[in-house]
Amino acid sequence: MEEKRDYDVFKLKIGANNTIESLRITYDNHEKPGPEARVAEDQRLRESIDRSIAALKAGELDGRQAEIKRLGSDLYCAIFPDKVGSFFEDALNAMLDDRSANPSRWLRIIIEVHPRSDVFGWPLEFLYCERKELWLATERPFLALSRHLAFEGNFDLSPQRRPLRALVVISNPGGLAGVITTRVLEEIGKLADSASQRGEEPGMEVQVLGQVEAYERQIPGITYQDQPAEYPILKDLIPDWKPHVVHFIGHGKLDGIEGSLALTKDNQVDWTPADDISQLFSAWQPRLVLLQACESALSGTEPAFMSLADRIFKRNIPAVVAMQFQITNDYASQFAQGFYAALRDGKDVDEAVQVGRAKITNQVRWKNRDFGAPVLFTYRPDAIMQPLSRVGPKLPGLILGDALKLSATQRVLGKLQQALKCLEEGTAQLAEEKAELAEASAKRAIAWIDDVLRGKFEVDQIVRGWLSDARECLASCELEDAKQRLNTALDCLATGPTLAPSGQGKTLPAGPGRMLDQASAGERTLS
């Protein structure tokens, strides 16, 4: 049984002359056209956006969360002006109001930008709605952001049966900096190997083409093709194996407006132009192509990948993910873990990319540009991968069952994410020597945590212990320590401990906290 999603859709279309059209489609297919407008033309706002984008591309905003947030807010003000912004926020509020009764409700945000629009080169994955305190490209579990590409051809969007087949192409030609892929392969290998470890039908098969180190060949769950990433080999392998996903890791370059990939030939670089790359998919069209710039990638790789995305899309491939900035190997592995786990389990590709971005965000907390690096271009984001072949949703940290349990988990995650936002605000206020405001933010975070600790939820004892630790740190205004413990609690929820509505008087042993919550010493009783 495929996991149910009730998607509302909010479409934003930006024309060549910076005109804006908006449309809301509810999950039961009722269309409501929104107001028309133009991209904001305020000179100071545009200059601020241009300066911030230049600084972002140069890596100058890393570690400067307030400035990244300002860019996101400026982008939002520019393309969601006045009535368009109100129309979007009304759609968001309606979806959120319904989630308490129907936790399968999501809002899918689809933005289409004409290539001649001023907005075409803007990093829309950093959009931030200040009134709702939401990052549109990382918020989950209820938003999914993608960029729409118009296309008049035909796509094969029929559901594909498990297992998910992923071909990872590692191009490491001589004369260029080495490609480091171990962490990414480890995460993908774990996902592919997990089913066999449990004696289940495999949910994912992975083949790797290209040069890898000897120790990388020991990673379980992966089949290694003992061949280099050369064009003729790829041209034969893709139609023979028929992968659902082709994942390229390596270098690119941009010549004018034309992107090229660095394949290999006789162990030297073989710069392969966009036309030739698109021909790789003439006999078999994968459902998705992922273009990943490695940490050591040449300058110009990311613009080349963005240019290639459009050309590949026109080869009848319905989704392309490209990195608009270099991404560190650690964060690339975080993205891969979330992205492939979601695809393997039958999630739609926009949700999978949103999960991958959120995995990076859990590490960087919007403090550097890595979280906004993955860009999804798609024709139709709701029909990319195969449905689940198992009964019911299989979500980490969740007891499978009825909608009541699913709703409880999402409510707890929502409360803890609100606590984390309060912590981020308090940390920034302390840095600005605004102690009273920081203390108020800490108290708000405590209130959100208390909602979980004292609410009618059965929370795993380990998670509960970390939350109690975080609460104690907050009471002492030790915000960085509190944030670390709260992040650990969130990680535990994502990787194993269980959560469900509790019965009356449910008793749990104490967690690993330094000190038990004052409301319950020794053994903890949730009421």
Protein backbone atom coordinates (compact mmCIF):
# COMPACT_ATOMS: atom_id res chain seq x y z
CA MET A 1 0.00 0.00 0.00
CA GLU A 2 1.52 3.30 -1.05
CA GLU A 3 1.88 5.93 1.64
CA LYS A 4 -0.91 8.45 1.25
CA ARG A 5 -0.22 12.12 0.54
CA ASP A 6 -2.89 14.78 0.13
CA TYR A 7 -1.03 17.52 -1.73
CA ASP A 8 -2.24 21.05 -2.08
CA VAL A 9 -0.30 22.77 -4.87
CA PHE A 10 0.77 26.41 -5.03
CA LYS A 11 2.09 27.41 -8.46
CA LEU A 12 4.01 30.58 -9.14
CA LYS A 13 4.80 31.47 -12.76
CA ILE A 14 7.22 34.30 -13.50
CA GLY A 15 7.21 35.55 -17.10
CA ALA A 16 9.87 37.02 -19.35
CA ASN A 17 8.87 40.54 -18.34
CA ASN A 18 8.85 39.68 -14.61
CA THR A 19 5.09 39.25 -14.51
CA ILE A 20 3.77 36.95 -11.77
CA GLU A 21 0.81 34.57 -12.00
CA SER A 22 -0.31 32.47 -9.03
CA LEU A 23 -2.60 29.49 -8.72
CA ARG A 24 -3.72 27.30 -5.83
CA ILE A 25 -4.97 23.75 -6.41
CA THR A 26 -6.38 21.91 -3.40
CA TYR A 27 -5.80 18.21 -2.87
CA ASP A 28 -9.36 17.52 -4.08
CA ASN A 29 -8.61 19.37 -7.37
CA HIS A 30 -10.35 22.68 -6.77
CA GLU A 31 -8.48 25.45 -8.58
CA LYS A 32 -8.34 29.01 -7.29
CA PRO A 33 -6.50 31.55 -9.46
CA GLY A 34 -4.59 34.08 -7.40
CA PRO A 35 -3.69 37.71 -7.92
CA GLU A 36 -1.34 38.80 -10.67
CA ALA A 37 1.60 41.04 -9.95
CA ARG A 38 5.13 41.90 -11.01
CA VAL A 39 8.45 41.04 -9.42
CA ALA A 40 9.19 43.83 -6.94
CA GLU A 41 11.17 46.61 -8.62
CA ASP A 42 12.21 48.54 -5.51
CA GLN A 43 15.78 49.63 -6.24
CA ARG A 44 17.08 49.15 -2.69
CA LEU A 45 15.57 45.66 -2.51
CA ARG A 46 17.05 44.65 -5.88
CA GLU A 47 20.48 46.01 -4.94
CA SER A 48 20.34 44.13 -1.65
CA ILE A 49 19.47 40.90 -3.48
CA ASP A 50 22.27 41.37 -6.03
CA ARG A 51 24.86 42.05 -3.30
CA SER A 52 23.73 39.09 -1.22
CA ILE A 53 23.71 36.68 -4.18
CA ALA A 54 27.24 37.75 -5.14
CA ALA A 55 28.40 37.22 -1.55
CA LEU A 56 26.60 33.85 -1.38
CA LYS A 57 28.26 32.60 -4.56
CA ALA A 58 31.65 33.71 -3.26
CA GLY A 59 31.10 31.82 -0.01
CA GLU A 60 31.21 35.06 1.98
CA LEU A 61 27.93 34.41 3.82
CA ASP A 62 29.00 31.12 5.38
CA GLY A 63 28.68 31.40 9.14
CA ARG A 64 26.46 34.49 8.81
CA GLN A 65 22.97 33.15 9.36
CA ALA A 66 21.34 36.55 9.76
CA GLU A 67 22.57 37.65 6.33
CA ILE A 68 21.50 34.39 4.69
CA LYS A 69 18.07 34.84 6.27
CA ARG A 70 17.97 38.45 5.00
CA LEU A 71 18.66 37.21 1.47
CA GLY A 72 15.89 34.61 1.80
CA SER A 73 13.47 37.24 3.07
CA ASP A 74 14.40 39.65 0.26
CA LEU A 75 13.86 36.93 -2.35
CA TYR A 76 10.46 36.18 -0.83
CA CYS A 77 9.43 39.84 -0.80
CA ALA A 78 10.47 40.16 -4.46
CA ILE A 79 8.53 37.20 -5.91
CA PHE A 80 5.70 36.98 -3.34
CA PRO A 81 4.82 40.68 -3.23
CA ASP A 82 1.81 42.01 -1.29
CA LYS A 83 -1.35 40.15 -2.37
CA VAL A 84 0.60 37.24 -3.87
CA GLY A 85 2.31 36.71 -0.51
CA SER A 86 -1.04 36.88 1.31
CA PHE A 87 -2.52 34.40 -1.18
CA PHE A 88 0.34 31.97 -0.56
CA GLU A 89 0.19 32.35 3.21
CA ASP A 90 -3.57 31.74 3.16
CA ALA A 91 -2.90 28.47 1.29
CA LEU A 92 -0.21 27.56 3.82
CA ASN A 93 -2.48 28.34 6.79
CA ALA A 94 -5.33 26.28 5.34
CA MET A 95 -3.06 23.27 4.91
CA LEU A 96 -1.58 23.61 8.41
CA ASP A 97 -5.03 23.96 9.99
CA ASP A 98 -6.13 20.71 8.34
CA ARG A 99 -3.02 18.74 9.34
CA SER A 100 -4.21 18.18 12.90
CA ALA A 101 -7.09 16.07 11.54
CA ASN A 102 -5.33 14.90 8.35
CA PRO A 103 -1.55 14.57 8.87
CA SER A 104 -1.07 13.48 5.26
CA ARG A 105 -1.70 17.06 4.06
CA TRP A 106 1.29 18.69 2.32
CA LEU A 107 1.82 21.88 0.35
CA ARG A 108 3.75 21.48 -2.87
CA ILE A 109 5.36 24.76 -4.03
CA ILE A 110 6.17 24.81 -7.75
CA ILE A 111 7.95 27.81 -9.26
CA GLU A 112 8.35 28.29 -13.01
CA VAL A 113 10.67 31.08 -14.16
CA HIS A 114 11.10 32.19 -17.75
CA PRO A 115 14.79 32.14 -18.82
CA ARG A 116 14.61 35.84 -19.76
CA SER A 117 13.27 36.90 -16.36
CA ASP A 118 15.55 38.67 -13.88
CA VAL A 119 14.64 35.94 -11.41
CA PHE A 120 16.00 33.05 -13.51
CA GLY A 121 19.45 33.02 -11.89
CA TRP A 122 18.28 33.69 -8.33
CA PRO A 123 18.92 30.98 -5.68
CA LEU A 124 15.25 30.33 -4.88
CA GLU A 125 16.15 27.46 -2.55
CA PHE A 126 16.93 30.15 0.07
CA LEU A 127 13.39 31.59 0.10
CA TYR A 128 12.38 32.53 3.65
CA CYS A 129 8.87 33.60 4.71
CA GLU A 130 9.50 35.91 7.64
CA ARG A 131 5.86 36.17 8.75
CA LYS A 132 5.58 32.37 9.07
CA GLU A 133 9.27 31.84 10.00
CA LEU A 134 9.62 29.18 7.30
CA TRP A 135 12.43 28.25 4.93
CA LEU A 136 10.45 26.99 1.95
CA ALA A 137 13.09 24.56 0.63
CA THR A 138 13.95 22.83 3.91
CA GLU A 139 10.80 22.84 6.02
CA ARG A 140 9.36 19.39 6.58
CA PRO A 141 7.32 17.31 7.01
CA PHE A 142 4.76 19.42 5.16
CA LEU A 143 6.40 21.47 2.36
CA ALA A 144 8.16 20.51 -0.87
CA LEU A 145 9.76 23.09 -3.20
CA SER A 146 10.70 22.50 -6.83
CA ARG A 147 11.33 24.45 -10.02
CA HIS A 148 9.10 23.61 -12.94
CA LEU A 149 10.39 23.29 -16.49
CA ALA A 150 7.87 23.54 -19.32
CA PHE A 151 8.08 20.78 -21.91
CA GLU A 152 5.84 19.77 -24.82
CA GLY A 153 7.15 16.23 -25.35
CA ASN A 154 6.15 12.97 -23.69
CA PHE A 155 7.44 11.52 -20.46
CA ASP A 156 7.05 7.97 -19.23
CA LEU A 157 5.67 8.63 -15.75
CA SER A 158 4.29 5.18 -15.08
CA PRO A 159 5.15 3.89 -11.59
CA GLN A 160 8.33 1.84 -11.49
CA ARG A 161 8.51 -1.34 -9.41
CA ARG A 162 11.10 -1.90 -6.72
CA PRO A 163 14.01 -2.15 -6.38
CA LEU A 164 15.23 1.35 -7.09
CA ARG A 165 18.22 1.09 -9.41
CA ALA A 166 20.87 3.79 -9.01
CA LEU A 167 23.96 4.11 -11.22
CA VAL A 168 26.68 6.22 -9.59
CA VAL A 169 29.23 7.55 -12.10
CA ILE A 170 32.51 8.69 -10.53
CA SER A 171 34.70 10.52 -13.01
CA ASN A 172 38.24 10.99 -11.74
CA PRO A 173 40.42 11.76 -14.78
CA GLY A 174 44.10 12.50 -14.58
CA GLY A 175 45.08 16.16 -14.56
CA LEU A 176 42.15 17.23 -12.34
CA ALA A 177 41.81 17.27 -8.56
CA GLY A 178 40.86 13.92 -7.07
CA VAL A 179 37.20 13.07 -6.45
CA ILE A 180 36.49 12.04 -2.85
CA THR A 181 33.35 9.91 -2.63
CA THR A 182 33.79 7.53 0.31
CA ARG A 183 31.20 9.10 2.63
CA VAL A 184 28.56 9.29 -0.11
CA LEU A 185 29.14 5.67 -1.15
CA GLU A 186 28.97 4.53 2.47
CA GLU A 187 25.57 6.13 2.97
CA ILE A 188 24.17 4.79 -0.31
CA GLY A 189 25.63 1.35 0.44
CA LYS A 190 23.95 1.24 3.85
CA LEU A 191 20.58 1.91 2.27
CA ALA A 192 21.08 -0.74 -0.41
CA ASP A 193 22.38 -3.30 2.08
CA SER A 194 19.80 -2.76 4.82
CA ALA A 195 17.12 -4.98 3.26
CA SER A 196 19.51 -7.92 2.79
CA GLN A 197 20.62 -7.58 6.40
CA ARG A 198 16.98 -8.04 7.43
CA GLY A 199 16.42 -10.86 4.95
CA GLU A 200 13.92 -8.79 2.96
CA GLU A 201 13.41 -8.16 -0.74
CA PRO A 202 15.96 -5.53 -1.80
CA GLY A 203 14.56 -2.01 -2.02
CA MET A 204 17.58 -0.57 -3.81
CA GLU A 205 20.36 -1.76 -6.11
CA VAL A 206 23.48 0.31 -6.69
CA GLN A 207 26.17 0.04 -9.34
CA VAL A 208 29.28 2.23 -9.40
CA LEU A 209 31.15 3.03 -12.59
CA GLY A 210 34.55 4.72 -12.38
CA GLN A 211 37.77 4.70 -10.44
CA VAL A 212 37.42 4.10 -6.71
CA GLU A 213 39.93 3.34 -3.98
CA ALA A 214 40.50 -0.27 -2.89
CA TYR A 215 38.93 0.35 0.52
CA GLU A 216 35.80 1.79 -1.14
CA ARG A 217 35.30 -1.52 -2.91
CA GLN A 218 34.72 -3.11 0.50
CA ILE A 219 31.57 -1.04 1.12
CA PRO A 220 28.66 -3.52 1.24
CA GLY A 221 25.50 -3.08 -0.80
CA ILE A 222 27.26 -1.84 -3.96
CA THR A 223 28.22 -3.60 -7.19
CA TYR A 224 31.38 -2.17 -8.74
CA GLN A 225 31.91 -2.07 -12.48
CA ASP A 226 35.62 -2.52 -12.99
CA GLN A 227 35.70 0.07 -15.77
CA PRO A 228 36.47 3.79 -16.06
CA ALA A 229 33.81 6.45 -16.61
CA GLU A 230 34.31 6.63 -20.36
CA TYR A 231 31.63 7.75 -22.81
CA PRO A 232 31.32 4.48 -24.84
CA ILE A 233 31.06 2.43 -21.64
CA LEU A 234 28.31 4.68 -20.27
CA LYS A 235 26.49 4.63 -23.61
CA ASP A 236 26.26 0.82 -23.40
CA LEU A 237 25.69 0.45 -19.65
CA ILE A 238 22.71 2.80 -19.28
CA PRO A 239 20.34 0.98 -21.72
CA ASP A 240 21.64 -2.43 -20.59
CA TRP A 241 21.00 -1.95 -16.87
CA LYS A 242 18.15 0.59 -17.15
CA PRO A 243 18.80 2.62 -13.99
CA HIS A 244 16.05 4.75 -12.49
CA VAL A 245 18.65 7.23 -11.23
CA VAL A 246 21.97 8.28 -12.79
CA HIS A 247 24.14 10.08 -10.23
CA PHE A 248 27.23 11.84 -11.60
CA ILE A 249 29.99 12.92 -9.20
CA GLY A 250 32.87 14.91 -10.61
CA HIS A 251 33.87 18.07 -12.47
CA GLY A 252 32.19 20.31 -14.99
CA LYS A 253 32.97 23.51 -16.87
CA LEU A 254 31.03 26.24 -18.59
CA ASP A 255 32.02 27.53 -22.03
CA GLY A 256 29.83 30.56 -22.61
CA ILE A 257 26.39 29.16 -21.88
CA GLU A 258 27.29 25.56 -22.73
CA GLY A 259 28.00 23.10 -19.90
CA SER A 260 30.31 20.09 -20.18
CA LEU A 261 31.08 17.11 -17.92
CA ALA A 262 34.56 15.75 -17.31
CA LEU A 263 34.49 12.07 -18.32
CA THR A 264 37.66 10.06 -18.83
CA LYS A 265 39.51 8.72 -21.87
CA ASP A 266 42.76 6.81 -21.47
CA ASN A 267 42.87 8.16 -17.88
CA GLN A 268 42.84 11.75 -19.13
CA VAL A 269 40.05 14.29 -19.03
CA ASP A 270 37.46 14.03 -21.80
CA TRP A 271 35.34 17.20 -21.74
CA THR A 272 31.96 16.02 -22.99
CA PRO A 273 29.53 18.75 -24.16
CA ALA A 274 25.85 18.92 -23.34
CA ASP A 275 24.71 17.53 -26.70
CA ASP A 276 26.80 14.40 -26.21
CA ILE A 277 25.71 14.01 -22.58
CA SER A 278 22.05 14.16 -23.60
CA GLN A 279 22.69 11.43 -26.19
CA LEU A 280 23.62 9.05 -23.36
CA PHE A 281 19.89 8.85 -22.64
CA SER A 282 18.61 8.28 -26.17
CA ALA A 283 17.96 4.54 -25.70
CA TRP A 284 16.91 4.58 -22.04
CA GLN A 285 15.59 7.53 -20.05
CA PRO A 286 16.19 7.31 -16.30
CA ARG A 287 13.58 8.87 -14.08
CA LEU A 288 16.10 11.24 -12.52
CA VAL A 289 19.63 12.54 -13.12
CA LEU A 290 21.65 13.92 -10.20
CA LEU A 291 24.65 16.17 -10.95
CA GLN A 292 26.89 16.52 -7.90
CA ALA A 293 29.95 18.76 -7.79
CA CYS A 294 32.55 17.21 -5.52
CA GLU A 295 34.27 19.28 -2.85
CA SER A 296 37.40 19.64 -5.00
CA ALA A 297 35.48 20.50 -8.17
CA LEU A 298 36.87 23.03 -10.62
CA SER A 299 35.61 26.57 -10.50
CA GLY A 300 32.69 26.78 -12.92
CA THR A 301 31.42 23.25 -12.25
CA GLU A 302 28.17 24.35 -10.62
CA PRO A 303 27.08 26.78 -13.41
CA ALA A 304 27.90 24.02 -15.90
CA PHE A 305 25.64 21.59 -14.02
CA MET A 306 22.81 24.13 -13.93
CA SER A 307 23.17 24.64 -17.69
CA LEU A 308 23.22 20.89 -18.32
CA ALA A 309 20.02 20.36 -16.34
CA ASP A 310 17.85 21.97 -19.02
CA ARG A 311 19.50 20.04 -21.85
CA ILE A 312 19.13 16.71 -20.04
CA PHE A 313 15.51 17.50 -19.22
CA LYS A 314 14.75 17.87 -22.93
CA ARG A 315 15.90 14.29 -23.44
CA ASN A 316 12.55 13.23 -21.83
CA ILE A 317 13.98 12.87 -18.33
CA PRO A 318 11.33 14.21 -15.95
CA ALA A 319 13.57 15.30 -13.07
CA VAL A 320 17.10 16.66 -12.74
CA VAL A 321 18.81 17.60 -9.47
CA ALA A 322 21.84 19.89 -9.84
CA MET A 323 24.06 21.47 -7.22
CA GLN A 324 24.18 25.24 -7.64
CA PHE A 325 27.19 25.47 -5.26
CA GLN A 326 30.04 23.22 -4.27
CA ILE A 327 29.01 21.01 -1.38
CA THR A 328 31.34 19.43 1.17
CA ASN A 329 31.68 15.66 1.18
CA ASP A 330 30.11 15.42 4.64
CA TYR A 331 27.03 17.37 3.59
CA ALA A 332 26.83 15.51 0.28
CA SER A 333 26.63 12.27 2.26
CA GLN A 334 23.87 13.72 4.46
CA PHE A 335 21.90 14.72 1.36
CA ALA A 336 22.42 11.31 -0.25
CA GLN A 337 21.23 9.48 2.86
CA GLY A 338 17.98 11.42 3.12
CA PHE A 339 17.35 11.64 -0.63
CA TYR A 340 17.92 7.99 -1.51
CA ALA A 341 16.11 6.66 1.57
CA ALA A 342 13.05 8.68 0.55
CA LEU A 343 13.23 7.53 -3.09
CA ARG A 344 13.79 3.91 -2.08
CA ASP A 345 10.70 4.03 0.14
CA GLY A 346 8.50 5.35 -2.65
CA LYS A 347 8.45 9.07 -1.85
CA ASP A 348 8.02 11.55 -4.68
CA VAL A 349 11.14 13.25 -5.88
CA ASP A 350 10.30 16.74 -4.58
CA GLU A 351 9.75 15.30 -1.12
CA ALA A 352 12.98 13.29 -1.43
CA VAL A 353 14.98 16.43 -2.30
CA GLN A 354 13.29 18.32 0.55
CA VAL A 355 14.29 15.52 2.94
CA GLY A 356 17.87 15.65 1.64
CA ARG A 357 18.07 19.43 2.11
CA ALA A 358 16.63 19.05 5.61
CA LYS A 359 19.34 16.51 6.45
CA ILE A 360 21.98 19.11 5.59
CA THR A 361 20.05 21.77 7.50
CA ASN A 362 20.09 19.60 10.64
CA GLN A 363 23.87 19.99 10.56
CA VAL A 364 24.36 23.59 9.41
CA ARG A 365 21.19 25.23 10.77
CA TRP A 366 20.98 27.68 7.86
CA LYS A 367 24.43 29.05 8.73
CA ASN A 368 26.05 28.32 5.38
CA ARG A 369 24.95 27.88 1.80
CA ASP A 370 25.20 24.07 1.62
CA PHE A 371 21.58 23.54 2.62
CA GLY A 372 20.37 25.45 -0.46
CA ALA A 373 22.77 23.83 -2.93
CA PRO A 374 20.46 21.08 -4.30
CA VAL A 375 18.08 22.41 -7.00
CA LEU A 376 15.27 20.26 -8.35
CA PHE A 377 14.08 20.88 -11.91
CA THR A 378 11.05 18.78 -12.75
CA TYR A 379 8.13 18.47 -15.12
CA ARG A 380 5.78 16.79 -12.67
CA PRO A 381 7.10 16.08 -9.16
CA ASP A 382 4.37 13.70 -8.07
CA ALA A 383 5.13 10.79 -10.39
CA ILE A 384 8.80 9.92 -10.37
CA MET A 385 9.49 6.74 -8.41
CA GLN A 386 7.75 3.47 -7.66
CA PRO A 387 5.16 3.08 -4.91
CA LEU A 388 5.91 1.21 -1.72
CA SER A 389 5.60 -2.56 -1.89
CA ARG A 390 5.08 -2.91 1.85
CA VAL A 391 2.02 -2.18 3.94
CA GLY A 392 1.80 1.27 5.48
CA PRO A 393 4.43 3.96 5.91
CA LYS A 394 7.83 2.99 7.24
CA LEU A 395 9.20 6.13 8.83
CA PRO A 396 12.30 6.14 11.07
CA GLY A 397 11.46 6.76 14.70
CA LEU A 398 7.76 5.94 14.25
CA ILE A 399 5.59 3.06 15.41
CA LEU A 400 3.71 2.04 12.26
CA GLY A 401 -0.02 2.15 12.51
CA ASP A 402 -2.98 4.43 12.29
CA ALA A 403 -3.14 8.12 11.47
CA LEU A 404 -3.39 8.99 15.17
CA LYS A 405 0.15 7.74 15.78
CA LEU A 406 1.46 9.47 12.67
CA SER A 407 -0.23 12.70 13.75
CA ALA A 408 1.32 12.45 17.23
CA THR A 409 4.81 12.11 15.81
CA GLN A 410 4.39 15.08 13.52
CA ARG A 411 3.01 17.21 16.35
CA VAL A 412 6.02 16.38 18.54
CA LEU A 413 8.46 17.10 15.71
CA GLY A 414 6.69 20.40 15.07
CA LYS A 415 6.96 21.42 18.74
CA LEU A 416 10.66 20.56 18.91
CA GLN A 417 11.37 22.42 15.67
CA GLN A 418 9.67 25.48 17.17
CA ALA A 419 11.88 25.12 20.26
CA LEU A 420 14.93 24.99 18.00
CA LYS A 421 13.86 28.18 16.24
CA CYS A 422 13.55 29.93 19.60
CA LEU A 423 17.05 28.69 20.46
CA GLU A 424 18.46 30.06 17.21
CA GLU A 425 16.88 33.44 17.95
CA GLY A 426 18.24 33.42 21.49
CA THR A 427 21.76 32.57 20.33
CA ALA A 428 21.70 35.46 17.85
CA GLN A 429 20.37 37.80 20.57
CA LEU A 430 23.16 36.79 22.96
CA ALA A 431 25.71 37.50 20.25
CA GLU A 432 24.20 40.98 19.98
CA GLU A 433 24.38 41.36 23.79
CA LYS A 434 20.60 41.43 24.11
CA ALA A 435 20.44 39.32 27.27
CA GLU A 436 16.80 40.00 28.15
CA LEU A 437 15.57 39.05 24.71
CA ALA A 438 17.73 35.91 24.77
CA GLU A 439 16.25 34.91 28.12
CA ALA A 440 12.73 35.39 26.73
CA SER A 441 13.60 33.20 23.73
CA ALA A 442 14.94 30.53 26.09
CA LYS A 443 11.69 30.57 28.05
CA ARG A 444 9.70 30.09 24.86
CA ALA A 445 11.91 27.12 23.95
CA ILE A 446 11.31 25.64 27.41
CA ALA A 447 7.56 25.99 26.90
CA TRP A 448 7.73 24.02 23.64
CA ILE A 449 9.84 21.27 25.25
CA ASP A 450 7.47 21.10 28.24
CA ASP A 451 4.60 20.59 25.81
CA VAL A 452 6.34 17.36 24.76
CA LEU A 453 7.60 16.21 28.16
CA ARG A 454 4.30 16.80 29.91
CA GLY A 455 1.93 16.12 27.04
CA LYS A 456 0.03 12.96 26.19
CA PHE A 457 2.85 11.42 24.18
CA GLU A 458 4.87 8.31 24.82
CA VAL A 459 8.41 9.48 24.08
CA ASP A 460 11.36 7.09 24.01
CA GLN A 461 13.38 7.34 27.22
CA ILE A 462 16.58 8.30 25.39
CA VAL A 463 14.85 11.16 23.57
CA ARG A 464 13.21 12.20 26.82
CA GLY A 465 16.56 12.29 28.59
CA TRP A 466 18.12 14.55 25.96
CA LEU A 467 15.10 16.86 26.11
CA SER A 468 15.43 17.09 29.90
CA ASP A 469 19.10 17.96 29.50
CA ALA A 470 18.22 20.64 26.96
CA ARG A 471 15.59 22.05 29.32
CA GLU A 472 18.07 22.32 32.17
CA CYS A 473 20.60 24.09 29.95
CA LEU A 474 17.91 26.52 28.85
CA ALA A 475 16.97 27.27 32.43
CA SER A 476 20.62 28.29 32.97
CA CYS A 477 20.65 30.19 29.63
CA GLU A 478 23.33 27.82 28.29
CA LEU A 479 21.91 28.10 24.80
CA GLU A 480 24.66 26.40 22.78
CA ASP A 481 24.63 23.36 25.09
CA ALA A 482 20.83 23.28 24.93
CA LYS A 483 20.90 23.42 21.13
CA GLN A 484 23.34 20.51 20.95
CA ARG A 485 21.13 18.35 23.17
CA LEU A 486 17.96 19.29 21.33
CA ASN A 487 19.60 18.42 18.00
CA THR A 488 20.60 15.05 19.45
CA ALA A 489 16.99 14.42 20.49
CA LEU A 490 15.82 15.23 16.96
CA ASP A 491 18.46 12.92 15.49
CA CYS A 492 17.27 10.13 17.81
CA LEU A 493 13.70 10.62 16.60
CA ALA A 494 14.91 10.38 13.01
CA THR A 495 16.95 7.21 13.49
CA GLY A 496 15.24 4.89 15.87
CA PRO A 497 13.38 5.70 19.10
CA THR A 498 9.63 5.33 18.90
CA LEU A 499 6.85 7.76 19.54
CA ALA A 500 3.07 7.43 19.81
CA PRO A 501 0.12 8.79 21.78
CA SER A 502 0.39 7.43 25.32
CA GLY A 503 -2.18 5.86 27.53
CA GLN A 504 -3.02 7.38 30.89
CA GLY A 505 -0.41 6.82 33.58
CA LYS A 506 2.22 5.37 31.22
CA THR A 507 5.48 4.92 33.17
CA LEU A 508 8.88 5.33 31.53
CA PRO A 509 12.33 4.98 33.08
CA ALA A 510 14.55 8.03 33.22
CA GLY A 511 16.60 8.93 30.15
CA PRO A 512 20.30 9.86 29.97
CA GLY A 513 19.74 13.40 31.27
CA ARG A 514 21.99 15.05 33.85
CA MET A 515 18.94 15.90 35.92
CA LEU A 516 15.33 14.80 35.78
CA ASP A 517 12.62 17.23 34.88
CA GLN A 518 11.27 18.87 38.04
CA ALA A 519 7.79 17.74 37.16
CA SER A 520 8.80 14.06 37.45
CA ALA A 521 11.70 12.71 39.50
CA GLY A 522 12.88 9.10 39.46
CA GLU A 523 10.44 7.25 37.24
CA ARG A 524 8.47 9.47 34.87
CA THR A 525 4.74 9.31 34.55
CA LEU A 526 3.14 10.93 31.54
CA SER A 527 -0.40 12.08 32.03
